[in-house]
Amino acid sequence: MTIPKYVELELNNGSIYKMIPEQVGYKDKNGIWMTRTQLPLSLGYAITVYRSQCMTYNKLVVDLTDINWKPGMFYTILSRTRKLTDIVILAYERKSFKVSKAALLEMARLHKLEEEFPIQIEQYLQSENYTDWCLSQSLNIPKLSPIPSYKNIIICEEQDRNYCGRHSLRALAQNLDLFSDEYLVEIANNLAAAEQICRNGDSIRITQYYYENSGDYDIQVLDAALRHIFNIQLLQINKLENSNCPIRSLILSNTQNIQALLIQQDYHYYILRQFRLTKGYFFKIDSKHTMYHEPIHCQDILKFIDLLLQCNCNIYITIQSISDDLNQDLSIDDIAKK
């Protein structure tokens, strides 16, 4: 094979570079001297940013002039080497650098959350998980009072479509056999019929109480169902400040006796509930998160309620129906369901 005297290469700037062959001499394994003449070319290749993920290169040449960059791609490509000096950037367009707005909002939310609820490192170091898994038994760091085991006593079903009204009632009652959709729809029809009578025969749509396509129930349906089954009524908490209402004042001063709170956010419902086996804690029971029940200490429940009210949630407390007159005297025994 005959090697040409030179090869002309056109560079990016338009100039012509003449590459001439080079000769290399070496001895083979038998000691015979040999020479090799070749053009000094080496194999090169290019890959996409997506393909380069999880790879580490000793040297890297990148071109950042493309306009079709997505948020996070610059970080991906610029973190493929061990040192920044091992990267050669041919060119870049500043307008191509993009940041995810969703990521910025999430970072702002987490930052605000950290400011409002700072992590108490001393409490974390004394927590049960840290002591059990990270420290030896010889350190004898005192443990905080453990949260009672609750996984085997909470009944919660996975949300079907948007029937969280049904799920919240079952979570409150801890009985999956109660509050069928047929029963709740019947209550919605009865409420619509009663409203039609009150309005002297005016047409009342069932969608005022129940939306069949989405499975949304109005709070009046849930209230009526609790009255019919358990003789329990819902009392809405509008604010935490003491008011002239003796019932609200009694409830807010005896949170340890509350069995359950019903939370409504738009048409989504979930329950904060206490159990006899877990006195001192409320547990969030939500059909959207059937495997996680957030524990809330009774000492923190008022703060949690205040936070929910600031988020425009409606909060209802469950009490025994003792009279049609909600302003009559109420005892602590009436707050907790027997």
C-alpha atoms as a PDB file:
ATOM      1  CA  MET A   1       0.000   0.000   0.000  1.00  0.00           C
ATOM      2  CA  THR A   2       1.421   3.389  -0.998  1.00  0.00           C
ATOM      3  CA  ILE A   3       1.126   6.213   1.530  1.00  0.00           C
ATOM      4  CA  PRO A   4       0.615   9.697   0.029  1.00  0.00           C
ATOM      5  CA  LYS A   5       3.167  12.399   0.684  1.00  0.00           C
ATOM      6  CA  TYR A   6       0.624  14.350   2.674  1.00  0.00           C
ATOM      7  CA  VAL A   7      -3.101  14.668   3.371  1.00  0.00           C
ATOM      8  CA  GLU A   8      -4.887  18.007   3.337  1.00  0.00           C
ATOM      9  CA  LEU A   9      -7.280  18.620   6.255  1.00  0.00           C
ATOM     10  CA  GLU A  10      -9.710  21.513   6.350  1.00  0.00           C
ATOM     11  CA  LEU A  11     -10.011  22.960   9.848  1.00  0.00           C
ATOM     12  CA  ASN A  12     -13.039  24.651  11.410  1.00  0.00           C
ATOM     13  CA  ASN A  13     -11.652  28.100  10.688  1.00  0.00           C
ATOM     14  CA  GLY A  14     -11.380  27.272   6.972  1.00  0.00           C
ATOM     15  CA  SER A  15      -7.585  26.951   6.833  1.00  0.00           C
ATOM     16  CA  ILE A  16      -5.872  23.937   5.256  1.00  0.00           C
ATOM     17  CA  TYR A  17      -3.520  21.751   7.297  1.00  0.00           C
ATOM     18  CA  LYS A  18      -1.092  19.402   5.546  1.00  0.00           C
ATOM     19  CA  MET A  19      -0.559  16.195   7.500  1.00  0.00           C
ATOM     20  CA  ILE A  20       2.537  14.253   6.474  1.00  0.00           C
ATOM     21  CA  PRO A  21       3.269  10.607   7.318  1.00  0.00           C
ATOM     22  CA  GLU A  22       5.425   9.781  10.350  1.00  0.00           C
ATOM     23  CA  GLN A  23       7.846   6.889  10.743  1.00  0.00           C
ATOM     24  CA  VAL A  24       8.228   4.950  13.980  1.00  0.00           C
ATOM     25  CA  GLY A  25      10.926   2.313  14.602  1.00  0.00           C
ATOM     26  CA  TYR A  26      10.723  -0.532  17.154  1.00  0.00           C
ATOM     27  CA  LYS A  27      11.897  -4.087  17.823  1.00  0.00           C
ATOM     28  CA  ASP A  28       9.466  -6.972  17.796  1.00  0.00           C
ATOM     29  CA  LYS A  29       9.501  -9.792  20.366  1.00  0.00           C
ATOM     30  CA  ASN A  30      12.208 -11.618  18.433  1.00  0.00           C
ATOM     31  CA  GLY A  31      14.531  -8.612  18.490  1.00  0.00           C
ATOM     32  CA  ILE A  32      14.075  -7.780  14.827  1.00  0.00           C
ATOM     33  CA  TRP A  33      14.139  -4.076  14.110  1.00  0.00           C
ATOM     34  CA  MET A  34      11.048  -2.875  12.305  1.00  0.00           C
ATOM     35  CA  THR A  35       9.693   0.449  11.098  1.00  0.00           C
ATOM     36  CA  ARG A  36       6.152   1.636  10.545  1.00  0.00           C
ATOM     37  CA  THR A  37       5.080   4.624   8.487  1.00  0.00           C
ATOM     38  CA  GLN A  38       1.568   5.996   8.901  1.00  0.00           C
ATOM     39  CA  LEU A  39      -0.469   9.156   9.028  1.00  0.00           C
ATOM     40  CA  PRO A  40      -0.718  10.348  12.688  1.00  0.00           C
ATOM     41  CA  LEU A  41      -4.478   9.903  12.989  1.00  0.00           C
ATOM     42  CA  SER A  42      -6.298   8.468  15.990  1.00  0.00           C
ATOM     43  CA  LEU A  43      -9.797   7.156  16.317  1.00  0.00           C
ATOM     44  CA  GLY A  44     -12.304   9.656  17.649  1.00  0.00           C
ATOM     45  CA  TYR A  45     -16.042   9.552  18.331  1.00  0.00           C
ATOM     46  CA  ALA A  46     -18.843  11.716  19.667  1.00  0.00           C
ATOM     47  CA  ILE A  47     -21.799  10.808  21.902  1.00  0.00           C
ATOM     48  CA  THR A  48     -24.862  12.609  23.196  1.00  0.00           C
ATOM     49  CA  VAL A  49     -25.149  14.137  26.665  1.00  0.00           C
ATOM     50  CA  TYR A  50     -27.810  11.591  27.584  1.00  0.00           C
ATOM     51  CA  ARG A  51     -25.500   8.704  26.622  1.00  0.00           C
ATOM     52  CA  SER A  52     -22.634  10.138  28.690  1.00  0.00           C
ATOM     53  CA  GLN A  53     -24.486   9.853  32.020  1.00  0.00           C
ATOM     54  CA  CYS A  54     -22.662   7.808  34.665  1.00  0.00           C
ATOM     55  CA  MET A  55     -19.439   7.890  32.575  1.00  0.00           C
ATOM     56  CA  THR A  56     -16.113   9.394  33.688  1.00  0.00           C
ATOM     57  CA  TYR A  57     -13.528  10.631  31.170  1.00  0.00           C
ATOM     58  CA  ASN A  58      -9.906  11.687  31.582  1.00  0.00           C
ATOM     59  CA  LYS A  59     -10.327  14.396  28.944  1.00  0.00           C
ATOM     60  CA  LEU A  60     -13.433  15.811  27.332  1.00  0.00           C
ATOM     61  CA  VAL A  61     -14.166  18.247  24.505  1.00  0.00           C
ATOM     62  CA  VAL A  62     -17.685  19.689  24.431  1.00  0.00           C
ATOM     63  CA  ASP A  63     -19.580  22.020  22.147  1.00  0.00           C
ATOM     64  CA  LEU A  64     -22.253  24.000  24.007  1.00  0.00           C
ATOM     65  CA  THR A  65     -23.563  26.099  21.133  1.00  0.00           C
ATOM     66  CA  ASP A  66     -26.718  24.087  20.444  1.00  0.00           C
ATOM     67  CA  ILE A  67     -30.013  25.846  21.224  1.00  0.00           C
ATOM     68  CA  ASN A  68     -31.938  22.667  22.076  1.00  0.00           C
ATOM     69  CA  TRP A  69     -30.602  22.235  25.608  1.00  0.00           C
ATOM     70  CA  LYS A  70     -32.913  21.155  28.400  1.00  0.00           C
ATOM     71  CA  PRO A  71     -32.676  22.071  32.107  1.00  0.00           C
ATOM     72  CA  GLY A  72     -30.002  20.018  33.857  1.00  0.00           C
ATOM     73  CA  MET A  73     -28.104  18.973  30.718  1.00  0.00           C
ATOM     74  CA  PHE A  74     -25.200  21.392  31.255  1.00  0.00           C
ATOM     75  CA  TYR A  75     -24.582  19.971  34.710  1.00  0.00           C
ATOM     76  CA  THR A  76     -24.628  16.452  33.282  1.00  0.00           C
ATOM     77  CA  ILE A  77     -21.965  17.078  30.667  1.00  0.00           C
ATOM     78  CA  LEU A  78     -19.741  19.313  32.828  1.00  0.00           C
ATOM     79  CA  SER A  79     -19.556  16.675  35.576  1.00  0.00           C
ATOM     80  CA  ARG A  80     -18.173  13.870  33.403  1.00  0.00           C
ATOM     81  CA  THR A  81     -14.511  14.534  34.337  1.00  0.00           C
ATOM     82  CA  ARG A  82     -12.763  14.465  37.695  1.00  0.00           C
ATOM     83  CA  LYS A  83     -11.421  18.016  37.302  1.00  0.00           C
ATOM     84  CA  LEU A  84     -12.758  21.065  35.525  1.00  0.00           C
ATOM     85  CA  THR A  85      -9.368  21.546  33.860  1.00  0.00           C
ATOM     86  CA  ASP A  86      -9.882  18.258  32.002  1.00  0.00           C
ATOM     87  CA  ILE A  87     -12.753  19.771  29.989  1.00  0.00           C
ATOM     88  CA  VAL A  88     -12.231  21.755  26.785  1.00  0.00           C
ATOM     89  CA  ILE A  89     -15.240  23.911  25.867  1.00  0.00           C
ATOM     90  CA  LEU A  90     -15.170  24.805  22.199  1.00  0.00           C
ATOM     91  CA  ALA A  91     -17.902  27.452  22.438  1.00  0.00           C
ATOM     92  CA  TYR A  92     -21.160  28.105  24.211  1.00  0.00           C
ATOM     93  CA  GLU A  93     -24.243  30.265  23.908  1.00  0.00           C
ATOM     94  CA  ARG A  94     -25.252  31.926  27.192  1.00  0.00           C
ATOM     95  CA  LYS A  95     -28.930  31.915  26.227  1.00  0.00           C
ATOM     96  CA  SER A  96     -28.795  28.141  25.964  1.00  0.00           C
ATOM     97  CA  PHE A  97     -28.253  27.728  29.725  1.00  0.00           C
ATOM     98  CA  LYS A  98     -31.668  26.808  31.130  1.00  0.00           C
ATOM     99  CA  VAL A  99     -32.897  26.244  34.660  1.00  0.00           C
ATOM    100  CA  SER A 100     -35.992  24.258  35.598  1.00  0.00           C
ATOM    101  CA  LYS A 101     -38.654  26.551  37.051  1.00  0.00           C
ATOM    102  CA  ALA A 102     -40.204  23.584  38.855  1.00  0.00           C
ATOM    103  CA  ALA A 103     -36.841  22.822  40.487  1.00  0.00           C
ATOM    104  CA  LEU A 104     -36.447  26.453  41.608  1.00  0.00           C
ATOM    105  CA  LEU A 105     -39.942  26.436  43.125  1.00  0.00           C
ATOM    106  CA  GLU A 106     -39.220  23.171  44.941  1.00  0.00           C
ATOM    107  CA  MET A 107     -35.932  24.549  46.288  1.00  0.00           C
ATOM    108  CA  ALA A 108     -37.745  27.669  47.504  1.00  0.00           C
ATOM    109  CA  ARG A 109     -40.416  25.518  49.154  1.00  0.00           C
ATOM    110  CA  LEU A 110     -37.834  23.373  50.937  1.00  0.00           C
ATOM    111  CA  HIS A 111     -35.894  26.461  52.016  1.00  0.00           C
ATOM    112  CA  LYS A 112     -39.056  28.021  53.464  1.00  0.00           C
ATOM    113  CA  LEU A 113     -39.922  24.743  55.172  1.00  0.00           C
ATOM    114  CA  GLU A 114     -36.470  24.610  56.750  1.00  0.00           C
ATOM    115  CA  GLU A 115     -36.844  28.171  58.020  1.00  0.00           C
ATOM    116  CA  GLU A 116     -40.273  27.521  59.518  1.00  0.00           C
ATOM    117  CA  PHE A 117     -39.473  24.059  60.884  1.00  0.00           C
ATOM    118  CA  PRO A 118     -35.695  23.898  61.477  1.00  0.00           C
ATOM    119  CA  ILE A 119     -34.183  20.488  62.101  1.00  0.00           C
ATOM    120  CA  GLN A 120     -33.281  20.002  65.743  1.00  0.00           C
ATOM    121  CA  ILE A 121     -30.031  18.062  65.395  1.00  0.00           C
ATOM    122  CA  GLU A 122     -29.919  17.284  69.116  1.00  0.00           C
ATOM    123  CA  GLN A 123     -33.313  15.631  68.897  1.00  0.00           C
ATOM    124  CA  TYR A 124     -32.296  13.703  65.778  1.00  0.00           C
ATOM    125  CA  LEU A 125     -29.113  12.389  67.405  1.00  0.00           C
ATOM    126  CA  GLN A 126     -31.206  11.039  70.253  1.00  0.00           C
ATOM    127  CA  SER A 127     -33.887   9.517  68.050  1.00  0.00           C
ATOM    128  CA  GLU A 128     -34.515   5.797  68.047  1.00  0.00           C
ATOM    129  CA  ASN A 129     -33.452   5.180  64.436  1.00  0.00           C
ATOM    130  CA  TYR A 130     -30.136   7.003  64.806  1.00  0.00           C
ATOM    131  CA  THR A 131     -29.331   5.243  68.063  1.00  0.00           C
ATOM    132  CA  ASP A 132     -30.203   1.806  66.725  1.00  0.00           C
ATOM    133  CA  TRP A 133     -28.433   2.008  63.368  1.00  0.00           C
ATOM    134  CA  CYS A 134     -25.586   4.515  63.688  1.00  0.00           C
ATOM    135  CA  LEU A 135     -24.297   4.279  67.234  1.00  0.00           C
ATOM    136  CA  SER A 136     -22.921   1.439  69.283  1.00  0.00           C
ATOM    137  CA  GLN A 137     -24.757   0.256  72.357  1.00  0.00           C
ATOM    138  CA  SER A 138     -21.852   1.269  74.570  1.00  0.00           C
ATOM    139  CA  LEU A 139     -22.534   4.995  74.097  1.00  0.00           C
ATOM    140  CA  ASN A 140     -25.774   4.764  76.108  1.00  0.00           C
ATOM    141  CA  ILE A 141     -27.347   7.834  74.528  1.00  0.00           C
ATOM    142  CA  PRO A 142     -30.812   8.299  76.031  1.00  0.00           C
ATOM    143  CA  LYS A 143     -33.665   7.583  73.626  1.00  0.00           C
ATOM    144  CA  LEU A 144     -36.767   9.661  73.182  1.00  0.00           C
ATOM    145  CA  SER A 145     -40.090   8.062  73.976  1.00  0.00           C
ATOM    146  CA  PRO A 146     -40.785   5.857  70.939  1.00  0.00           C
ATOM    147  CA  ILE A 147     -43.961   6.260  68.909  1.00  0.00           C
ATOM    148  CA  PRO A 148     -46.248   3.310  69.647  1.00  0.00           C
ATOM    149  CA  SER A 149     -46.532   0.738  66.904  1.00  0.00           C
ATOM    150  CA  TYR A 150     -49.484   1.645  64.705  1.00  0.00           C
ATOM    151  CA  LYS A 151     -48.976  -0.216  61.423  1.00  0.00           C
ATOM    152  CA  ASN A 152     -51.114  -3.160  62.504  1.00  0.00           C
ATOM    153  CA  ILE A 153     -54.037  -1.149  63.837  1.00  0.00           C
ATOM    154  CA  ILE A 154     -54.694   1.404  61.069  1.00  0.00           C
ATOM    155  CA  ILE A 155     -57.070   0.411  58.283  1.00  0.00           C
ATOM    156  CA  CYS A 156     -56.637   2.390  55.066  1.00  0.00           C
ATOM    157  CA  GLU A 157     -57.609   1.455  51.518  1.00  0.00           C
ATOM    158  CA  GLU A 158     -56.101   2.705  48.283  1.00  0.00           C
ATOM    159  CA  GLN A 159     -58.074   5.495  46.663  1.00  0.00           C
ATOM    160  CA  ASP A 160     -60.326   4.397  43.821  1.00  0.00           C
ATOM    161  CA  ARG A 161     -60.819   7.231  41.315  1.00  0.00           C
ATOM    162  CA  ASN A 162     -61.585  10.210  43.547  1.00  0.00           C
ATOM    163  CA  TYR A 163     -63.850   8.538  46.112  1.00  0.00           C
ATOM    164  CA  CYS A 164     -61.864   9.989  49.000  1.00  0.00           C
ATOM    165  CA  GLY A 165     -65.116  10.940  50.746  1.00  0.00           C
ATOM    166  CA  ARG A 166     -65.993   7.279  51.121  1.00  0.00           C
ATOM    167  CA  HIS A 167     -62.406   6.410  52.069  1.00  0.00           C
ATOM    168  CA  SER A 168     -62.232   9.108  54.737  1.00  0.00           C
ATOM    169  CA  LEU A 169     -65.428   7.885  56.392  1.00  0.00           C
ATOM    170  CA  ARG A 170     -64.119   4.324  56.413  1.00  0.00           C
ATOM    171  CA  ALA A 171     -60.798   5.519  57.812  1.00  0.00           C
ATOM    172  CA  LEU A 172     -62.626   7.389  60.562  1.00  0.00           C
ATOM    173  CA  ALA A 173     -64.772   4.362  61.406  1.00  0.00           C
ATOM    174  CA  GLN A 174     -61.880   1.915  60.776  1.00  0.00           C
ATOM    175  CA  ASN A 175     -64.339  -0.352  58.999  1.00  0.00           C
ATOM    176  CA  LEU A 176     -64.181  -1.054  55.259  1.00  0.00           C
ATOM    177  CA  ASP A 177     -67.671  -2.594  55.179  1.00  0.00           C
ATOM    178  CA  LEU A 178     -69.459   0.692  55.913  1.00  0.00           C
ATOM    179  CA  PHE A 179     -70.325   3.697  53.740  1.00  0.00           C
ATOM    180  CA  SER A 180     -70.767   2.133  50.326  1.00  0.00           C
ATOM    181  CA  ASP A 181     -71.063   4.452  47.342  1.00  0.00           C
ATOM    182  CA  GLU A 182     -74.669   3.366  46.848  1.00  0.00           C
ATOM    183  CA  TYR A 183     -75.442   4.506  50.392  1.00  0.00           C
ATOM    184  CA  LEU A 184     -73.690   7.866  49.994  1.00  0.00           C
ATOM    185  CA  VAL A 185     -75.363   8.534  46.622  1.00  0.00           C
ATOM    186  CA  GLU A 186     -78.727   7.777  48.232  1.00  0.00           C
ATOM    187  CA  ILE A 187     -77.949  10.359  50.938  1.00  0.00           C
ATOM    188  CA  ALA A 188     -77.015  12.886  48.238  1.00  0.00           C
ATOM    189  CA  ASN A 189     -80.353  12.255  46.501  1.00  0.00           C
ATOM    190  CA  ASN A 190     -82.235  12.681  49.774  1.00  0.00           C
ATOM    191  CA  LEU A 191     -80.425  15.957  50.489  1.00  0.00           C
ATOM    192  CA  ALA A 192     -81.264  17.224  47.013  1.00  0.00           C
ATOM    193  CA  ALA A 193     -84.928  16.222  47.470  1.00  0.00           C
ATOM    194  CA  ALA A 194     -85.106  17.927  50.883  1.00  0.00           C
ATOM    195  CA  GLU A 195     -83.555  21.087  49.433  1.00  0.00           C
ATOM    196  CA  GLN A 196     -86.083  21.027  46.600  1.00  0.00           C
ATOM    197  CA  ILE A 197     -88.926  20.921  49.128  1.00  0.00           C
ATOM    198  CA  CYS A 198     -87.412  23.831  51.071  1.00  0.00           C
ATOM    199  CA  ARG A 199     -87.275  25.858  47.857  1.00  0.00           C
ATOM    200  CA  ASN A 200     -90.917  25.182  47.054  1.00  0.00           C
ATOM    201  CA  GLY A 201     -90.249  22.750  44.239  1.00  0.00           C
ATOM    202  CA  ASP A 202     -87.367  24.551  42.542  1.00  0.00           C
ATOM    203  CA  SER A 203     -85.176  22.244  40.494  1.00  0.00           C
ATOM    204  CA  ILE A 204     -82.135  21.079  42.482  1.00  0.00           C
ATOM    205  CA  ARG A 205     -79.306  19.240  40.747  1.00  0.00           C
ATOM    206  CA  ILE A 206     -77.781  16.187  42.393  1.00  0.00           C
ATOM    207  CA  THR A 207     -74.360  17.589  41.413  1.00  0.00           C
ATOM    208  CA  GLN A 208     -74.761  20.042  44.269  1.00  0.00           C
ATOM    209  CA  TYR A 209     -73.995  17.105  46.549  1.00  0.00           C
ATOM    210  CA  TYR A 210     -72.358  14.476  44.351  1.00  0.00           C
ATOM    211  CA  TYR A 211     -70.406  14.417  41.057  1.00  0.00           C
ATOM    212  CA  GLU A 212     -70.800  10.994  39.462  1.00  0.00           C
ATOM    213  CA  ASN A 213     -67.997  11.354  36.910  1.00  0.00           C
ATOM    214  CA  SER A 214     -65.312  12.133  39.499  1.00  0.00           C
ATOM    215  CA  GLY A 215     -66.805  10.580  42.621  1.00  0.00           C
ATOM    216  CA  ASP A 216     -66.692  13.827  44.619  1.00  0.00           C
ATOM    217  CA  TYR A 217     -68.979  14.150  47.628  1.00  0.00           C
ATOM    218  CA  ASP A 218     -70.032  17.375  49.292  1.00  0.00           C
ATOM    219  CA  ILE A 219     -69.245  17.690  52.998  1.00  0.00           C
ATOM    220  CA  GLN A 220     -73.001  17.647  53.743  1.00  0.00           C
ATOM    221  CA  VAL A 221     -73.158  14.062  52.486  1.00  0.00           C
ATOM    222  CA  LEU A 222     -70.356  12.971  54.823  1.00  0.00           C
ATOM    223  CA  ASP A 223     -71.949  14.805  57.742  1.00  0.00           C
ATOM    224  CA  ALA A 224     -75.324  13.169  57.139  1.00  0.00           C
ATOM    225  CA  ALA A 225     -73.749   9.706  56.812  1.00  0.00           C
ATOM    226  CA  LEU A 226     -71.971  10.065  60.159  1.00  0.00           C
ATOM    227  CA  ARG A 227     -75.190  11.210  61.817  1.00  0.00           C
ATOM    228  CA  HIS A 228     -77.148   8.231  60.460  1.00  0.00           C
ATOM    229  CA  ILE A 229     -74.585   5.533  61.250  1.00  0.00           C
ATOM    230  CA  PHE A 230     -72.832   6.691  64.444  1.00  0.00           C
ATOM    231  CA  ASN A 231     -74.908   9.630  65.697  1.00  0.00           C
ATOM    232  CA  ILE A 232     -71.784  11.748  65.171  1.00  0.00           C
ATOM    233  CA  GLN A 233     -71.861  15.269  63.821  1.00  0.00           C
ATOM    234  CA  LEU A 234     -69.150  17.454  62.325  1.00  0.00           C
ATOM    235  CA  LEU A 235     -68.243  20.804  63.834  1.00  0.00           C
ATOM    236  CA  GLN A 236     -66.137  23.094  61.653  1.00  0.00           C
ATOM    237  CA  ILE A 237     -63.147  24.908  63.132  1.00  0.00           C
ATOM    238  CA  ASN A 238     -62.781  28.292  61.468  1.00  0.00           C
ATOM    239  CA  LYS A 239     -59.991  29.715  63.606  1.00  0.00           C
ATOM    240  CA  LEU A 240     -57.903  28.827  66.649  1.00  0.00           C
ATOM    241  CA  GLU A 241     -58.488  31.963  68.660  1.00  0.00           C
ATOM    242  CA  ASN A 242     -60.857  31.684  71.581  1.00  0.00           C
ATOM    243  CA  SER A 243     -64.319  32.889  70.690  1.00  0.00           C
ATOM    244  CA  ASN A 244     -67.695  33.178  72.367  1.00  0.00           C
ATOM    245  CA  CYS A 245     -68.598  29.662  71.251  1.00  0.00           C
ATOM    246  CA  PRO A 246     -68.258  27.413  74.341  1.00  0.00           C
ATOM    247  CA  ILE A 247     -68.035  24.251  72.230  1.00  0.00           C
ATOM    248  CA  ARG A 248     -65.031  25.469  70.233  1.00  0.00           C
ATOM    249  CA  SER A 249     -63.273  26.711  73.381  1.00  0.00           C
ATOM    250  CA  LEU A 250     -63.831  23.369  75.082  1.00  0.00           C
ATOM    251  CA  ILE A 251     -62.486  21.449  72.087  1.00  0.00           C
ATOM    252  CA  LEU A 252     -59.359  23.531  71.681  1.00  0.00           C
ATOM    253  CA  SER A 253     -58.530  23.169  75.366  1.00  0.00           C
ATOM    254  CA  ASN A 254     -59.014  19.375  75.343  1.00  0.00           C
ATOM    255  CA  THR A 255     -57.288  18.160  72.171  1.00  0.00           C
ATOM    256  CA  GLN A 256     -56.116  15.022  73.980  1.00  0.00           C
ATOM    257  CA  ASN A 257     -59.743  13.851  74.059  1.00  0.00           C
ATOM    258  CA  ILE A 258     -60.410  14.349  70.351  1.00  0.00           C
ATOM    259  CA  GLN A 259     -60.683  11.104  68.447  1.00  0.00           C
ATOM    260  CA  ALA A 260     -60.669  12.375  64.863  1.00  0.00           C
ATOM    261  CA  LEU A 261     -60.442  15.439  62.650  1.00  0.00           C
ATOM    262  CA  LEU A 262     -61.782  15.470  59.089  1.00  0.00           C
ATOM    263  CA  ILE A 263     -59.750  17.631  56.715  1.00  0.00           C
ATOM    264  CA  GLN A 264     -61.185  18.927  53.428  1.00  0.00           C
ATOM    265  CA  GLN A 265     -59.050  20.479  50.702  1.00  0.00           C
ATOM    266  CA  ASP A 266     -61.257  21.240  47.702  1.00  0.00           C
ATOM    267  CA  TYR A 267     -62.981  17.860  47.210  1.00  0.00           C
ATOM    268  CA  HIS A 268     -60.226  15.770  48.766  1.00  0.00           C
ATOM    269  CA  TYR A 269     -60.762  14.450  52.298  1.00  0.00           C
ATOM    270  CA  TYR A 270     -58.477  12.748  54.797  1.00  0.00           C
ATOM    271  CA  ILE A 271     -58.487  11.963  58.508  1.00  0.00           C
ATOM    272  CA  LEU A 272     -56.339  12.816  61.535  1.00  0.00           C
ATOM    273  CA  ARG A 273     -57.151  10.119  64.076  1.00  0.00           C
ATOM    274  CA  GLN A 274     -56.156   8.932  67.538  1.00  0.00           C
ATOM    275  CA  PHE A 275     -56.283   5.357  68.821  1.00  0.00           C
ATOM    276  CA  ARG A 276     -56.547   3.953  72.303  1.00  0.00           C
ATOM    277  CA  LEU A 277     -53.320   2.015  71.767  1.00  0.00           C
ATOM    278  CA  THR A 278     -51.451   5.132  70.604  1.00  0.00           C
ATOM    279  CA  LYS A 279     -52.489   7.803  73.049  1.00  0.00           C
ATOM    280  CA  GLY A 280     -50.629  11.045  72.550  1.00  0.00           C
ATOM    281  CA  TYR A 281     -50.428  10.870  68.753  1.00  0.00           C
ATOM    282  CA  PHE A 282     -52.686  11.659  65.819  1.00  0.00           C
ATOM    283  CA  PHE A 283     -52.075   9.772  62.588  1.00  0.00           C
ATOM    284  CA  LYS A 284     -52.809  11.133  59.137  1.00  0.00           C
ATOM    285  CA  ILE A 285     -54.853   8.551  57.220  1.00  0.00           C
ATOM    286  CA  ASP A 286     -55.066   9.454  53.541  1.00  0.00           C
ATOM    287  CA  SER A 287     -56.230   7.155  50.742  1.00  0.00           C
ATOM    288  CA  LYS A 288     -53.691   8.802  48.421  1.00  0.00           C
ATOM    289  CA  HIS A 289     -50.841   7.543  50.634  1.00  0.00           C
ATOM    290  CA  THR A 290     -52.069   4.238  52.021  1.00  0.00           C
ATOM    291  CA  MET A 291     -48.636   3.031  53.152  1.00  0.00           C
ATOM    292  CA  TYR A 292     -47.598   6.149  55.073  1.00  0.00           C
ATOM    293  CA  HIS A 293     -49.413   7.508  58.129  1.00  0.00           C
ATOM    294  CA  GLU A 294     -47.728  10.662  59.376  1.00  0.00           C
ATOM    295  CA  PRO A 295     -47.601  10.775  63.205  1.00  0.00           C
ATOM    296  CA  ILE A 296     -48.445  14.115  64.839  1.00  0.00           C
ATOM    297  CA  HIS A 297     -47.981  14.568  68.569  1.00  0.00           C
ATOM    298  CA  CYS A 298     -50.962  15.968  70.448  1.00  0.00           C
ATOM    299  CA  GLN A 299     -48.802  18.871  71.588  1.00  0.00           C
ATOM    300  CA  ASP A 300     -48.304  19.850  67.939  1.00  0.00           C
ATOM    301  CA  ILE A 301     -51.847  19.309  66.675  1.00  0.00           C
ATOM    302  CA  LEU A 302     -52.889  22.948  67.156  1.00  0.00           C
ATOM    303  CA  LYS A 303     -49.883  24.131  65.143  1.00  0.00           C
ATOM    304  CA  PHE A 304     -50.776  21.607  62.453  1.00  0.00           C
ATOM    305  CA  ILE A 305     -54.404  22.789  62.402  1.00  0.00           C
ATOM    306  CA  ASP A 306     -53.252  26.413  62.164  1.00  0.00           C
ATOM    307  CA  LEU A 307     -51.036  25.520  59.185  1.00  0.00           C
ATOM    308  CA  LEU A 308     -53.951  23.780  57.456  1.00  0.00           C
ATOM    309  CA  LEU A 309     -56.201  26.790  58.012  1.00  0.00           C
ATOM    310  CA  GLN A 310     -53.564  29.022  56.436  1.00  0.00           C
ATOM    311  CA  CYS A 311     -53.656  26.705  53.391  1.00  0.00           C
ATOM    312  CA  ASN A 312     -57.421  27.307  53.089  1.00  0.00           C
ATOM    313  CA  CYS A 313     -58.357  23.819  54.254  1.00  0.00           C
ATOM    314  CA  ASN A 314     -61.668  23.151  55.987  1.00  0.00           C
ATOM    315  CA  ILE A 315     -61.310  21.312  59.295  1.00  0.00           C
ATOM    316  CA  TYR A 316     -64.143  19.438  60.995  1.00  0.00           C
ATOM    317  CA  ILE A 317     -64.074  17.803  64.395  1.00  0.00           C
ATOM    318  CA  THR A 318     -66.187  14.737  65.149  1.00  0.00           C
ATOM    319  CA  ILE A 319     -68.377  14.950  68.240  1.00  0.00           C
ATOM    320  CA  GLN A 320     -71.317  12.962  69.554  1.00  0.00           C
ATOM    321  CA  SER A 321     -74.660  14.392  68.538  1.00  0.00           C
ATOM    322  CA  ILE A 322     -76.291  15.212  71.869  1.00  0.00           C
ATOM    323  CA  SER A 323     -78.763  17.852  70.757  1.00  0.00           C
ATOM    324  CA  ASP A 324     -79.856  19.938  67.823  1.00  0.00           C
ATOM    325  CA  ASP A 325     -78.722  22.999  69.773  1.00  0.00           C
ATOM    326  CA  LEU A 326     -74.949  23.249  69.283  1.00  0.00           C
ATOM    327  CA  ASN A 327     -74.671  26.102  71.782  1.00  0.00           C
ATOM    328  CA  GLN A 328     -75.804  24.145  74.783  1.00  0.00           C
ATOM    329  CA  ASP A 329     -73.279  22.906  77.365  1.00  0.00           C
ATOM    330  CA  LEU A 330     -70.913  20.188  76.198  1.00  0.00           C
ATOM    331  CA  SER A 331     -68.789  17.920  78.386  1.00  0.00           C
ATOM    332  CA  ILE A 332     -65.371  16.449  77.628  1.00  0.00           C
ATOM    333  CA  ASP A 333     -66.966  12.994  77.386  1.00  0.00           C
ATOM    334  CA  ASP A 334     -68.951  14.175  74.385  1.00  0.00           C
ATOM    335  CA  ILE A 335     -65.793  15.059  72.431  1.00  0.00           C
ATOM    336  CA  ALA A 336     -64.294  11.569  72.259  1.00  0.00           C
ATOM    337  CA  LYS A 337     -66.379   8.932  70.532  1.00  0.00           C
ATOM    338  CA  LYS A 338     -67.267   6.151  72.985  1.00  0.00           C
END
